[in-house]
């Protein structure tokens, strides 16, 4: 299948999934950008998320919500892993270490969620 046909198919698939075509274009390839249901901008050609940096805003400020969401997801995954190990552990010293790690992860999760507000 030709490359252009594949790209058009990806665009059509995005529309079928509920994405909307925007008036914006990708800064890397100039392809039209799609707004996904989650609110993210997506380039079907590059297969990447695109972040719009508004005037007066830094790239760090624009990407902060994305980075915090990714960090939150990672911390939640680690909490799940520690929880499984806690269920199986019988050694008191290991239980103490795991409990301390869990407490730290939960503290960090709370901080991340406060930063997201």
PDB file of N, CA and C in Angstrom:
ATOM      1  N   UNK A   1       0.852  -1.175   0.000  1.00  0.00           N
ATOM      2  CA  UNK A   1       0.000   0.000   0.000  1.00  0.00           C
ATOM      3  C   UNK A   1       0.902   1.243   0.000  1.00  0.00           C
ATOM      4  N   UNK A   2       0.657   2.192  -0.879  1.00  0.00           N
ATOM      5  CA  UNK A   2       1.471   3.410  -0.933  1.00  0.00           C
ATOM      6  C   UNK A   2       1.405   4.193   0.380  1.00  0.00           C
ATOM      7  N   UNK A   3       2.491   4.917   0.669  1.00  0.00           N
ATOM      8  CA  UNK A   3       2.596   5.678   1.913  1.00  0.00           C
ATOM      9  C   UNK A   3       1.450   6.664   2.091  1.00  0.00           C
ATOM     10  N   UNK A   4       1.085   7.382   1.018  1.00  0.00           N
ATOM     11  CA  UNK A   4      -0.005   8.368   1.104  1.00  0.00           C
ATOM     12  C   UNK A   4      -1.329   7.704   1.443  1.00  0.00           C
ATOM     13  N   UNK A   5      -1.562   6.513   0.899  1.00  0.00           N
ATOM     14  CA  UNK A   5      -2.798   5.783   1.183  1.00  0.00           C
ATOM     15  C   UNK A   5      -2.856   5.379   2.652  1.00  0.00           C
ATOM     16  N   UNK A   6      -1.704   4.947   3.190  1.00  0.00           N
ATOM     17  CA  UNK A   6      -1.653   4.574   4.608  1.00  0.00           C
ATOM     18  C   UNK A   6      -1.951   5.780   5.498  1.00  0.00           C
ATOM     19  N   UNK A   7      -1.378   6.917   5.141  1.00  0.00           N
ATOM     20  CA  UNK A   7      -1.605   8.139   5.925  1.00  0.00           C
ATOM     21  C   UNK A   7      -3.073   8.551   5.878  1.00  0.00           C
ATOM     22  N   UNK A   8      -3.672   8.479   4.705  1.00  0.00           N
ATOM     23  CA  UNK A   8      -5.098   8.816   4.572  1.00  0.00           C
ATOM     24  C   UNK A   8      -5.958   7.845   5.378  1.00  0.00           C
ATOM     25  N   UNK A   9      -5.570   6.579   5.392  1.00  0.00           N
ATOM     26  CA  UNK A   9      -6.310   5.573   6.154  1.00  0.00           C
ATOM     27  C   UNK A   9      -6.233   5.879   7.649  1.00  0.00           C
ATOM     28  N   UNK A  10      -5.045   6.305   8.123  1.00  0.00           N
ATOM     29  CA  UNK A  10      -4.891   6.669   9.534  1.00  0.00           C
ATOM     30  C   UNK A  10      -5.789   7.851   9.887  1.00  0.00           C
ATOM     31  N   UNK A  11      -5.866   8.818   8.967  1.00  0.00           N
ATOM     32  CA  UNK A  11      -6.720   9.988   9.192  1.00  0.00           C
ATOM     33  C   UNK A  11      -8.186   9.583   9.241  1.00  0.00           C
ATOM     34  N   UNK A  12      -8.578   8.720   8.323  1.00  0.00           N
ATOM     35  CA  UNK A  12      -9.962   8.245   8.293  1.00  0.00           C
ATOM     36  C   UNK A  12     -10.294   7.469   9.564  1.00  0.00           C
ATOM     37  N   UNK A  13      -9.345   6.665  10.025  1.00  0.00           N
ATOM     38  CA  UNK A  13      -9.549   5.905  11.257  1.00  0.00           C
ATOM     39  C   UNK A  13      -9.742   6.829  12.457  1.00  0.00           C
ATOM     40  N   UNK A  14      -8.960   7.907  12.500  1.00  0.00           N
ATOM     41  CA  UNK A  14      -9.116   8.869  13.595  1.00  0.00           C
ATOM     42  C   UNK A  14     -10.515   9.482  13.591  1.00  0.00           C
ATOM     43  N   UNK A  15     -11.002   9.837  12.403  1.00  0.00           N
ATOM     44  CA  UNK A  15     -12.350  10.413  12.301  1.00  0.00           C
ATOM     45  C   UNK A  15     -13.409   9.411  12.737  1.00  0.00           C
ATOM     46  N   UNK A  16     -13.237   8.153  12.353  1.00  0.00           N
ATOM     47  CA  UNK A  16     -14.180   7.102  12.751  1.00  0.00           C
ATOM     48  C   UNK A  16     -14.202   6.909  14.263  1.00  0.00           C
ATOM     49  N   UNK A  17     -13.053   7.175  14.906  1.00  0.00           N
ATOM     50  CA  UNK A  17     -12.942   7.010  16.358  1.00  0.00           C
ATOM     51  C   UNK A  17     -13.436   8.235  17.115  1.00  0.00           C
ATOM     52  N   UNK A  18     -13.916   9.242  16.392  1.00  0.00           N
ATOM     53  CA  UNK A  18     -14.488  10.411  17.046  1.00  0.00           C
ATOM     54  C   UNK A  18     -13.582  11.627  17.108  1.00  0.00           C
ATOM     55  N   UNK A  19     -12.404  11.549  16.500  1.00  0.00           N
ATOM     56  CA  UNK A  19     -11.516  12.717  16.465  1.00  0.00           C
ATOM     57  C   UNK A  19     -12.095  13.746  15.499  1.00  0.00           C
ATOM     58  N   UNK A  20     -11.703  14.995  15.699  1.00  0.00           N
ATOM     59  CA  UNK A  20     -12.162  16.042  14.782  1.00  0.00           C
ATOM     60  C   UNK A  20     -10.956  16.686  14.104  1.00  0.00           C
ATOM     61  N   UNK A  21     -11.152  17.038  12.862  1.00  0.00           N
ATOM     62  CA  UNK A  21     -10.125  17.710  12.084  1.00  0.00           C
ATOM     63  C   UNK A  21     -10.065  19.165  12.532  1.00  0.00           C
ATOM     64  N   UNK A  22      -8.853  19.669  12.752  1.00  0.00           N
ATOM     65  CA  UNK A  22      -8.702  21.063  13.178  1.00  0.00           C
ATOM     66  C   UNK A  22      -8.145  21.896  12.024  1.00  0.00           C
ATOM     67  N   UNK A  23      -8.101  23.198  12.238  1.00  0.00           N
ATOM     68  CA  UNK A  23      -7.527  24.099  11.232  1.00  0.00           C
ATOM     69  C   UNK A  23      -6.012  24.190  11.382  1.00  0.00           C
ATOM     70  N   UNK A  24      -5.470  23.534  12.405  1.00  0.00           N
ATOM     71  CA  UNK A  24      -4.040  23.570  12.687  1.00  0.00           C
ATOM     72  C   UNK A  24      -3.282  22.540  11.862  1.00  0.00           C
ATOM     73  N   UNK A  25      -2.002  22.810  11.641  1.00  0.00           N
ATOM     74  CA  UNK A  25      -1.167  21.849  10.923  1.00  0.00           C
ATOM     75  C   UNK A  25       0.055  21.508  11.766  1.00  0.00           C
ATOM     76  N   UNK A  26       0.601  20.349  11.518  1.00  0.00           N
ATOM     77  CA  UNK A  26       1.753  19.851  12.259  1.00  0.00           C
ATOM     78  C   UNK A  26       2.980  20.722  11.962  1.00  0.00           C
ATOM     79  N   UNK A  27       3.687  21.154  12.992  1.00  0.00           N
ATOM     80  CA  UNK A  27       4.875  21.970  12.758  1.00  0.00           C
ATOM     81  C   UNK A  27       6.016  21.185  12.110  1.00  0.00           C
ATOM     82  N   UNK A  28       5.979  19.856  12.199  1.00  0.00           N
ATOM     83  CA  UNK A  28       7.047  19.031  11.638  1.00  0.00           C
ATOM     84  C   UNK A  28       6.801  18.648  10.182  1.00  0.00           C
ATOM     85  N   UNK A  29       5.535  18.325   9.843  1.00  0.00           N
ATOM     86  CA  UNK A  29       5.270  17.793   8.498  1.00  0.00           C
ATOM     87  C   UNK A  29       4.192  18.560   7.738  1.00  0.00           C
ATOM     88  N   UNK A  30       3.550  19.521   8.379  1.00  0.00           N
ATOM     89  CA  UNK A  30       2.477  20.346   7.804  1.00  0.00           C
ATOM     90  C   UNK A  30       1.180  19.580   7.529  1.00  0.00           C
ATOM     91  N   UNK A  31       1.071  18.381   8.013  1.00  0.00           N
ATOM     92  CA  UNK A  31      -0.153  17.596   7.880  1.00  0.00           C
ATOM     93  C   UNK A  31      -1.218  18.164   8.814  1.00  0.00           C
ATOM     94  N   UNK A  32      -2.503  18.025   8.465  1.00  0.00           N
ATOM     95  CA  UNK A  32      -3.545  18.544   9.365  1.00  0.00           C
ATOM     96  C   UNK A  32      -3.536  17.813  10.709  1.00  0.00           C
ATOM     97  N   UNK A  33      -3.855  18.555  11.759  1.00  0.00           N
ATOM     98  CA  UNK A  33      -3.910  17.973  13.098  1.00  0.00           C
ATOM     99  C   UNK A  33      -5.337  17.598  13.459  1.00  0.00           C
ATOM    100  N   UNK A  34      -5.468  16.556  14.253  1.00  0.00           N
ATOM    101  CA  UNK A  34      -6.755  16.068  14.714  1.00  0.00           C
ATOM    102  C   UNK A  34      -6.838  16.250  16.221  1.00  0.00           C
ATOM    103  N   UNK A  35      -8.036  16.594  16.685  1.00  0.00           N
ATOM    104  CA  UNK A  35      -8.262  16.693  18.122  1.00  0.00           C
ATOM    105  C   UNK A  35      -8.939  15.399  18.557  1.00  0.00           C
ATOM    106  N   UNK A  36      -8.260  14.657  19.434  1.00  0.00           N
ATOM    107  CA  UNK A  36      -8.803  13.398  19.924  1.00  0.00           C
ATOM    108  C   UNK A  36      -9.882  13.654  20.967  1.00  0.00           C
ATOM    109  N   UNK A  37     -10.662  12.626  21.262  1.00  0.00           N
ATOM    110  CA  UNK A  37     -11.728  12.760  22.259  1.00  0.00           C
ATOM    111  C   UNK A  37     -11.189  13.230  23.603  1.00  0.00           C
ATOM    112  N   UNK A  38      -9.962  12.829  23.928  1.00  0.00           N
ATOM    113  CA  UNK A  38      -9.346  13.214  25.200  1.00  0.00           C
ATOM    114  C   UNK A  38      -8.888  14.665  25.202  1.00  0.00           C
ATOM    115  N   UNK A  39      -8.978  15.337  24.041  1.00  0.00           N
ATOM    116  CA  UNK A  39      -8.602  16.737  23.956  1.00  0.00           C
ATOM    117  C   UNK A  39      -7.198  16.982  23.430  1.00  0.00           C
ATOM    118  N   UNK A  40      -6.451  15.919  23.204  1.00  0.00           N
ATOM    119  CA  UNK A  40      -5.088  16.058  22.709  1.00  0.00           C
ATOM    120  C   UNK A  40      -5.088  16.320  21.209  1.00  0.00           C
ATOM    121  N   UNK A  41      -4.078  17.060  20.750  1.00  0.00           N
ATOM    122  CA  UNK A  41      -3.875  17.245  19.319  1.00  0.00           C
ATOM    123  C   UNK A  41      -2.953  16.133  18.830  1.00  0.00           C
ATOM    124  N   UNK A  42      -3.269  15.580  17.658  1.00  0.00           N
ATOM    125  CA  UNK A  42      -2.538  14.420  17.147  1.00  0.00           C
ATOM    126  C   UNK A  42      -2.234  14.586  15.664  1.00  0.00           C
ATOM    127  N   UNK A  43      -1.004  14.253  15.285  1.00  0.00           N
ATOM    128  CA  UNK A  43      -0.628  14.247  13.872  1.00  0.00           C
ATOM    129  C   UNK A  43      -0.680  12.808  13.387  1.00  0.00           C
ATOM    130  N   UNK A  44      -1.566  12.535  12.433  1.00  0.00           N
ATOM    131  CA  UNK A  44      -1.724  11.183  11.914  1.00  0.00           C
ATOM    132  C   UNK A  44      -0.506  10.751  11.099  1.00  0.00           C
ATOM    133  N   UNK A  45       0.129  11.693  10.454  1.00  0.00           N
ATOM    134  CA  UNK A  45       1.294  11.365   9.621  1.00  0.00           C
ATOM    135  C   UNK A  45       2.512  11.041  10.488  1.00  0.00           C
ATOM    136  N   UNK A  46       2.807  11.881  11.459  1.00  0.00           N
ATOM    137  CA  UNK A  46       3.962  11.672  12.345  1.00  0.00           C
ATOM    138  C   UNK A  46       3.677  10.641  13.442  1.00  0.00           C
ATOM    139  N   UNK A  47       2.375  10.393  13.693  1.00  0.00           N
ATOM    140  CA  UNK A  47       1.946   9.510  14.776  1.00  0.00           C
ATOM    141  C   UNK A  47       2.462  10.010  16.125  1.00  0.00           C
ATOM    142  N   UNK A  48       2.291  11.325  16.343  1.00  0.00           N
ATOM    143  CA  UNK A  48       2.751  11.948  17.578  1.00  0.00           C
ATOM    144  C   UNK A  48       1.739  12.967  18.088  1.00  0.00           C
ATOM    145  N   UNK A  49       1.778  13.183  19.387  1.00  0.00           N
ATOM    146  CA  UNK A  49       0.999  14.221  20.032  1.00  0.00           C
ATOM    147  C   UNK A  49       1.662  15.560  19.725  1.00  0.00           C
ATOM    148  N   UNK A  50       0.849  16.574  19.546  1.00  0.00           N
ATOM    149  CA  UNK A  50       1.358  17.918  19.280  1.00  0.00           C
ATOM    150  C   UNK A  50       0.839  18.833  20.384  1.00  0.00           C
ATOM    151  N   UNK A  51       1.744  19.638  20.928  1.00  0.00           N
ATOM    152  CA  UNK A  51       1.379  20.576  21.983  1.00  0.00           C
ATOM    153  C   UNK A  51       1.509  21.984  21.426  1.00  0.00           C
ATOM    154  N   UNK A  52       0.459  22.777  21.592  1.00  0.00           N
ATOM    155  CA  UNK A  52       0.470  24.163  21.137  1.00  0.00           C
ATOM    156  C   UNK A  52       0.971  25.036  22.282  1.00  0.00           C
ATOM    157  N   UNK A  53       2.013  25.793  22.004  1.00  0.00           N
ATOM    158  CA  UNK A  53       2.551  26.728  22.983  1.00  0.00           C
ATOM    159  C   UNK A  53       1.970  28.095  22.654  1.00  0.00           C
ATOM    160  N   UNK A  54       1.183  28.614  23.581  1.00  0.00           N
ATOM    161  CA  UNK A  54       0.530  29.908  23.359  1.00  0.00           C
ATOM    162  C   UNK A  54       1.505  31.054  23.579  1.00  0.00           C
ATOM    163  N   UNK A  55       1.172  32.182  23.011  1.00  0.00           N
ATOM    164  CA  UNK A  55       2.021  33.359  23.153  1.00  0.00           C
ATOM    165  C   UNK A  55       2.179  33.702  24.629  1.00  0.00           C
ATOM    166  N   UNK A  56       3.419  33.938  25.040  1.00  0.00           N
ATOM    167  CA  UNK A  56       3.706  34.263  26.425  1.00  0.00           C
ATOM    168  C   UNK A  56       3.879  33.044  27.320  1.00  0.00           C
ATOM    169  N   UNK A  57       3.710  31.869  26.759  1.00  0.00           N
ATOM    170  CA  UNK A  57       3.814  30.629  27.513  1.00  0.00           C
ATOM    171  C   UNK A  57       5.093  29.909  27.088  1.00  0.00           C
ATOM    172  N   UNK A  58       5.767  29.266  28.047  1.00  0.00           N
ATOM    173  CA  UNK A  58       6.962  28.515  27.703  1.00  0.00           C
ATOM    174  C   UNK A  58       6.574  27.090  27.326  1.00  0.00           C
ATOM    175  N   UNK A  59       7.471  26.404  26.649  1.00  0.00           N
ATOM    176  CA  UNK A  59       7.229  25.001  26.281  1.00  0.00           C
ATOM    177  C   UNK A  59       7.039  24.149  27.534  1.00  0.00           C
ATOM    178  N   UNK A  60       7.768  24.471  28.586  1.00  0.00           N
ATOM    179  CA  UNK A  60       7.633  23.735  29.848  1.00  0.00           C
ATOM    180  C   UNK A  60       6.235  23.886  30.421  1.00  0.00           C
ATOM    181  N   UNK A  61       5.714  25.100  30.394  1.00  0.00           N
ATOM    182  CA  UNK A  61       4.358  25.343  30.906  1.00  0.00           C
ATOM    183  C   UNK A  61       3.319  24.610  30.065  1.00  0.00           C
ATOM    184  N   UNK A  62       3.531  24.581  28.754  1.00  0.00           N
ATOM    185  CA  UNK A  62       2.569  23.945  27.852  1.00  0.00           C
ATOM    186  C   UNK A  62       2.549  22.425  28.020  1.00  0.00           C
ATOM    187  N   UNK A  63       3.699  21.840  28.331  1.00  0.00           N
ATOM    188  CA  UNK A  63       3.770  20.377  28.441  1.00  0.00           C
ATOM    189  C   UNK A  63       3.572  19.866  29.868  1.00  0.00           C
ATOM    190  N   UNK A  64       3.468  20.765  30.824  1.00  0.00           N
ATOM    191  CA  UNK A  64       3.322  20.377  32.231  1.00  0.00           C
ATOM    192  C   UNK A  64       2.164  19.399  32.466  1.00  0.00           C
ATOM    193  N   UNK A  65       0.948  19.648  31.953  1.00  0.00           N
ATOM    194  CA  UNK A  65      -0.147  18.698  32.200  1.00  0.00           C
ATOM    195  C   UNK A  65       0.147  17.294  31.662  1.00  0.00           C
ATOM    196  N   UNK A  66       0.786  17.221  30.514  1.00  0.00           N
ATOM    197  CA  UNK A  66       1.109  15.919  29.925  1.00  0.00           C
ATOM    198  C   UNK A  66       2.128  15.186  30.790  1.00  0.00           C
ATOM    199  N   UNK A  67       3.168  15.898  31.183  1.00  0.00           N
ATOM    200  CA  UNK A  67       4.214  15.287  32.001  1.00  0.00           C
ATOM    201  C   UNK A  67       3.679  14.831  33.349  1.00  0.00           C
ATOM    202  N   UNK A  68       2.824  15.639  33.964  1.00  0.00           N
ATOM    203  CA  UNK A  68       2.253  15.263  35.255  1.00  0.00           C
ATOM    204  C   UNK A  68       1.343  14.038  35.128  1.00  0.00           C
ATOM    205  N   UNK A  69       0.593  13.954  34.046  1.00  0.00           N
ATOM    206  CA  UNK A  69      -0.267  12.782  33.831  1.00  0.00           C
ATOM    207  C   UNK A  69       0.562  11.521  33.632  1.00  0.00           C
ATOM    208  N   UNK A  70       1.644  11.632  32.888  1.00  0.00           N
ATOM    209  CA  UNK A  70       2.523  10.484  32.679  1.00  0.00           C
ATOM    210  C   UNK A  70       3.167  10.055  33.998  1.00  0.00           C
ATOM    211  N   UNK A  71       3.611  11.036  34.779  1.00  0.00           N
ATOM    212  CA  UNK A  71       4.227  10.748  36.071  1.00  0.00           C
ATOM    213  C   UNK A  71       3.218  10.093  37.016  1.00  0.00           C
ATOM    214  N   UNK A  72       1.994  10.604  37.017  1.00  0.00           N
ATOM    215  CA  UNK A  72       0.941  10.025  37.854  1.00  0.00           C
ATOM    216  C   UNK A  72       0.700   8.563  37.474  1.00  0.00           C
ATOM    217  N   UNK A  73       0.656   8.291  36.207  1.00  0.00           N
ATOM    218  CA  UNK A  73       0.451   6.926  35.726  1.00  0.00           C
ATOM    219  C   UNK A  73       1.586   6.003  36.165  1.00  0.00           C
ATOM    220  N   UNK A  74       2.811   6.495  36.072  1.00  0.00           N
ATOM    221  CA  UNK A  74       3.965   5.695  36.490  1.00  0.00           C
ATOM    222  C   UNK A  74       3.913   5.399  37.979  1.00  0.00           C
ATOM    223  N   UNK A  75       3.601   6.409  38.789  1.00  0.00           N
ATOM    224  CA  UNK A  75       3.528   6.219  40.239  1.00  0.00           C
ATOM    225  C   UNK A  75       2.410   5.232  40.591  1.00  0.00           C
ATOM    226  N   UNK A  76       1.271   5.332  39.923  1.00  0.00           N
ATOM    227  CA  UNK A  76       0.176   4.388  40.177  1.00  0.00           C
ATOM    228  C   UNK A  76       0.576   2.961  39.836  1.00  0.00           C
ATOM    229  N   UNK A  77       1.314   2.793  38.756  1.00  0.00           N
ATOM    230  CA  UNK A  77       1.804   1.463  38.373  1.00  0.00           C
ATOM    231  C   UNK A  77       2.716   0.908  39.467  1.00  0.00           C
ATOM    232  N   UNK A  78       3.619   1.744  39.958  1.00  0.00           N
ATOM    233  CA  UNK A  78       4.549   1.318  41.005  1.00  0.00           C
ATOM    234  C   UNK A  78       3.817   0.996  42.302  1.00  0.00           C
ATOM    235  N   UNK A  79       2.789   1.752  42.616  1.00  0.00           N
ATOM    236  CA  UNK A  79       1.985   1.460  43.806  1.00  0.00           C
ATOM    237  C   UNK A  79       1.362   0.070  43.679  1.00  0.00           C
ATOM    238  N   UNK A  80       0.856  -0.242  42.494  1.00  0.00           N
ATOM    239  CA  UNK A  80       0.283  -1.572  42.261  1.00  0.00           C
ATOM    240  C   UNK A  80       1.318  -2.678  42.416  1.00  0.00           C
ATOM    241  N   UNK A  81       2.522  -2.437  41.920  1.00  0.00           N
ATOM    242  CA  UNK A  81       3.589  -3.435  42.038  1.00  0.00           C
ATOM    243  C   UNK A  81       3.977  -3.669  43.496  1.00  0.00           C
ATOM    244  N   UNK A  82       4.099  -2.588  44.259  1.00  0.00           N
ATOM    245  CA  UNK A  82       4.452  -2.701  45.679  1.00  0.00           C
ATOM    246  C   UNK A  82       3.329  -3.393  46.448  1.00  0.00           C
ATOM    247  N   UNK A  83       2.100  -3.078  46.101  1.00  0.00           N
ATOM    248  CA  UNK A  83       0.946  -3.698  46.776  1.00  0.00           C
ATOM    249  C   UNK A  83       0.974  -5.219  46.599  1.00  0.00           C
ATOM    250  N   UNK A  84       1.293  -5.681  45.405  1.00  0.00           N
ATOM    251  CA  UNK A  84       1.385  -7.132  45.153  1.00  0.00           C
ATOM    252  C   UNK A  84       2.493  -7.758  45.989  1.00  0.00           C
ATOM    253  N   UNK A  85       3.630  -7.077  46.057  1.00  0.00           N
ATOM    254  CA  UNK A  85       4.750  -7.608  46.843  1.00  0.00           C
ATOM    255  C   UNK A  85       4.426  -7.619  48.333  1.00  0.00           C
ATOM    256  N   UNK A  86       3.692  -6.603  48.799  1.00  0.00           N
ATOM    257  CA  UNK A  86       3.293  -6.565  50.216  1.00  0.00           C
ATOM    258  C   UNK A  86       2.426  -7.761  50.579  1.00  0.00           C
ATOM    259  N   UNK A  87       1.521  -8.147  49.683  1.00  0.00           N
ATOM    260  CA  UNK A  87       0.624  -9.280  49.952  1.00  0.00           C
ATOM    261  C   UNK A  87       1.396 -10.577  50.142  1.00  0.00           C
ATOM    262  N   UNK A  88       2.495 -10.725  49.404  1.00  0.00           N
ATOM    263  CA  UNK A  88       3.243 -11.984  49.412  1.00  0.00           C
ATOM    264  C   UNK A  88       4.380 -12.010  50.428  1.00  0.00           C
ATOM    265  N   UNK A  89       4.833 -10.857  50.869  1.00  0.00           N
ATOM    266  CA  UNK A  89       6.020 -10.777  51.738  1.00  0.00           C
ATOM    267  C   UNK A  89       5.709 -11.205  53.163  1.00  0.00           C
ATOM    268  N   UNK A  90       6.635 -11.958  53.771  1.00  0.00           N
ATOM    269  CA  UNK A  90       6.487 -12.383  55.162  1.00  0.00           C
ATOM    270  C   UNK A  90       7.638 -11.896  56.042  1.00  0.00           C
ATOM    271  N   UNK A  91       8.753 -11.509  55.436  1.00  0.00           N
ATOM    272  CA  UNK A  91       9.917 -11.040  56.186  1.00  0.00           C
ATOM    273  C   UNK A  91       9.645  -9.638  56.733  1.00  0.00           C
ATOM    274  N   UNK A  92       9.699  -9.471  58.056  1.00  0.00           N
ATOM    275  CA  UNK A  92       9.405  -8.166  58.656  1.00  0.00           C
ATOM    276  C   UNK A  92      10.299  -7.022  58.130  1.00  0.00           C
ATOM    277  N   UNK A  93      11.562  -7.298  57.899  1.00  0.00           N
ATOM    278  CA  UNK A  93      12.464  -6.248  57.406  1.00  0.00           C
ATOM    279  C   UNK A  93      12.048  -5.806  56.006  1.00  0.00           C
ATOM    280  N   UNK A  94      11.705  -6.758  55.170  1.00  0.00           N
ATOM    281  CA  UNK A  94      11.248  -6.431  53.801  1.00  0.00           C
ATOM    282  C   UNK A  94       9.909  -5.713  53.834  1.00  0.00           C
ATOM    283  N   UNK A  95       9.022  -6.146  54.746  1.00  0.00           N
ATOM    284  CA  UNK A  95       7.731  -5.482  54.897  1.00  0.00           C
ATOM    285  C   UNK A  95       7.919  -4.024  55.290  1.00  0.00           C
ATOM    286  N   UNK A  96       8.873  -3.763  56.155  1.00  0.00           N
ATOM    287  CA  UNK A  96       9.144  -2.389  56.578  1.00  0.00           C
ATOM    288  C   UNK A  96       9.630  -1.547  55.397  1.00  0.00           C
ATOM    289  N   UNK A  97      10.534  -2.106  54.592  1.00  0.00           N
ATOM    290  CA  UNK A  97      11.046  -1.389  53.417  1.00  0.00           C
ATOM    291  C   UNK A  97       9.928  -1.129  52.405  1.00  0.00           C
ATOM    292  N   UNK A  98       9.113  -2.149  52.166  1.00  0.00           N
ATOM    293  CA  UNK A  98       8.018  -2.000  51.205  1.00  0.00           C
ATOM    294  C   UNK A  98       6.992  -0.975  51.693  1.00  0.00           C
ATOM    295  N   UNK A  99       6.715  -0.994  52.985  1.00  0.00           N
ATOM    296  CA  UNK A  99       5.760  -0.036  53.553  1.00  0.00           C
ATOM    297  C   UNK A  99       6.292   1.390  53.430  1.00  0.00           C
ATOM    298  N   UNK A 100       7.581   1.565  53.670  1.00  0.00           N
ATOM    299  CA  UNK A 100       8.188   2.897  53.533  1.00  0.00           C
ATOM    300  C   UNK A 100       8.135   3.361  52.077  1.00  0.00           C
ATOM    301  N   UNK A 101       8.398   2.444  51.172  1.00  0.00           N
ATOM    302  CA  UNK A 101       8.334   2.781  49.742  1.00  0.00           C
ATOM    303  C   UNK A 101       6.913   3.150  49.345  1.00  0.00           C
ATOM    304  N   UNK A 102       5.944   2.392  49.841  1.00  0.00           N
ATOM    305  CA  UNK A 102       4.538   2.675  49.543  1.00  0.00           C
ATOM    306  C   UNK A 102       4.147   4.051  50.071  1.00  0.00           C
ATOM    307  N   UNK A 103       4.563   4.371  51.276  1.00  0.00           N
ATOM    308  CA  UNK A 103       4.238   5.673  51.863  1.00  0.00           C
ATOM    309  C   UNK A 103       4.832   6.801  51.025  1.00  0.00           C
ATOM    310  N   UNK A 104       6.045   6.617  50.573  1.00  0.00           N
ATOM    311  CA  UNK A 104       6.702   7.628  49.732  1.00  0.00           C
ATOM    312  C   UNK A 104       5.972   7.797  48.403  1.00  0.00           C
ATOM    313  N   UNK A 105       5.595   6.680  47.801  1.00  0.00           N
ATOM    314  CA  UNK A 105       4.860   6.749  46.531  1.00  0.00           C
ATOM    315  C   UNK A 105       3.515   7.455  46.705  1.00  0.00           C
ATOM    316  N   UNK A 106       2.820   7.149  47.794  1.00  0.00           N
ATOM    317  CA  UNK A 106       1.527   7.788  48.040  1.00  0.00           C
ATOM    318  C   UNK A 106       1.686   9.291  48.287  1.00  0.00           C
ATOM    319  N   UNK A 107       2.748   9.667  48.999  1.00  0.00           N
ATOM    320  CA  UNK A 107       3.026  11.097  49.212  1.00  0.00           C
ATOM    321  C   UNK A 107       3.276  11.794  47.874  1.00  0.00           C
ATOM    322  N   UNK A 108       4.062  11.146  47.042  1.00  0.00           N
ATOM    323  CA  UNK A 108       4.367  11.732  45.733  1.00  0.00           C
ATOM    324  C   UNK A 108       3.129  11.811  44.845  1.00  0.00           C
ATOM    325  N   UNK A 109       2.277  10.805  44.917  1.00  0.00           N
ATOM    326  CA  UNK A 109       1.039  10.831  44.148  1.00  0.00           C
ATOM    327  C   UNK A 109       0.175  12.020  44.570  1.00  0.00           C
ATOM    328  N   UNK A 110       0.098  12.255  45.861  1.00  0.00           N
ATOM    329  CA  UNK A 110      -0.684  13.398  46.367  1.00  0.00           C
ATOM    330  C   UNK A 110      -0.103  14.719  45.849  1.00  0.00           C
ATOM    331  N   UNK A 111       1.214  14.830  45.864  1.00  0.00           N
ATOM    332  CA  UNK A 111       1.870  16.053  45.371  1.00  0.00           C
ATOM    333  C   UNK A 111       1.603  16.270  43.891  1.00  0.00           C
ATOM    334  N   UNK A 112       1.677  15.195  43.132  1.00  0.00           N
ATOM    335  CA  UNK A 112       1.424  15.297  41.680  1.00  0.00           C
ATOM    336  C   UNK A 112       0.001  15.768  41.440  1.00  0.00           C
ATOM    337  N   UNK A 113      -0.949  15.192  42.164  1.00  0.00           N
ATOM    338  CA  UNK A 113      -2.349  15.559  41.968  1.00  0.00           C
ATOM    339  C   UNK A 113      -2.617  17.011  42.378  1.00  0.00           C
ATOM    340  N   UNK A 114      -1.917  17.506  43.384  1.00  0.00           N
ATOM    341  CA  UNK A 114      -2.062  18.911  43.765  1.00  0.00           C
ATOM    342  C   UNK A 114      -1.502  19.806  42.667  1.00  0.00           C
ATOM    343  N   UNK A 115      -0.409  19.402  42.058  1.00  0.00           N
ATOM    344  CA  UNK A 115       0.202  20.193  40.978  1.00  0.00           C
ATOM    345  C   UNK A 115      -0.688  20.234  39.734  1.00  0.00           C
ATOM    346  N   UNK A 116      -1.489  19.189  39.531  1.00  0.00           N
ATOM    347  CA  UNK A 116      -2.354  19.119  38.357  1.00  0.00           C
ATOM    348  C   UNK A 116      -3.549  20.065  38.469  1.00  0.00           C
ATOM    349  N   UNK A 117      -3.915  20.457  39.671  1.00  0.00           N
ATOM    350  CA  UNK A 117      -5.087  21.318  39.868  1.00  0.00           C
ATOM    351  C   UNK A 117      -4.849  22.699  39.361  1.00  0.00           C
TER     352      UNK A 117
END
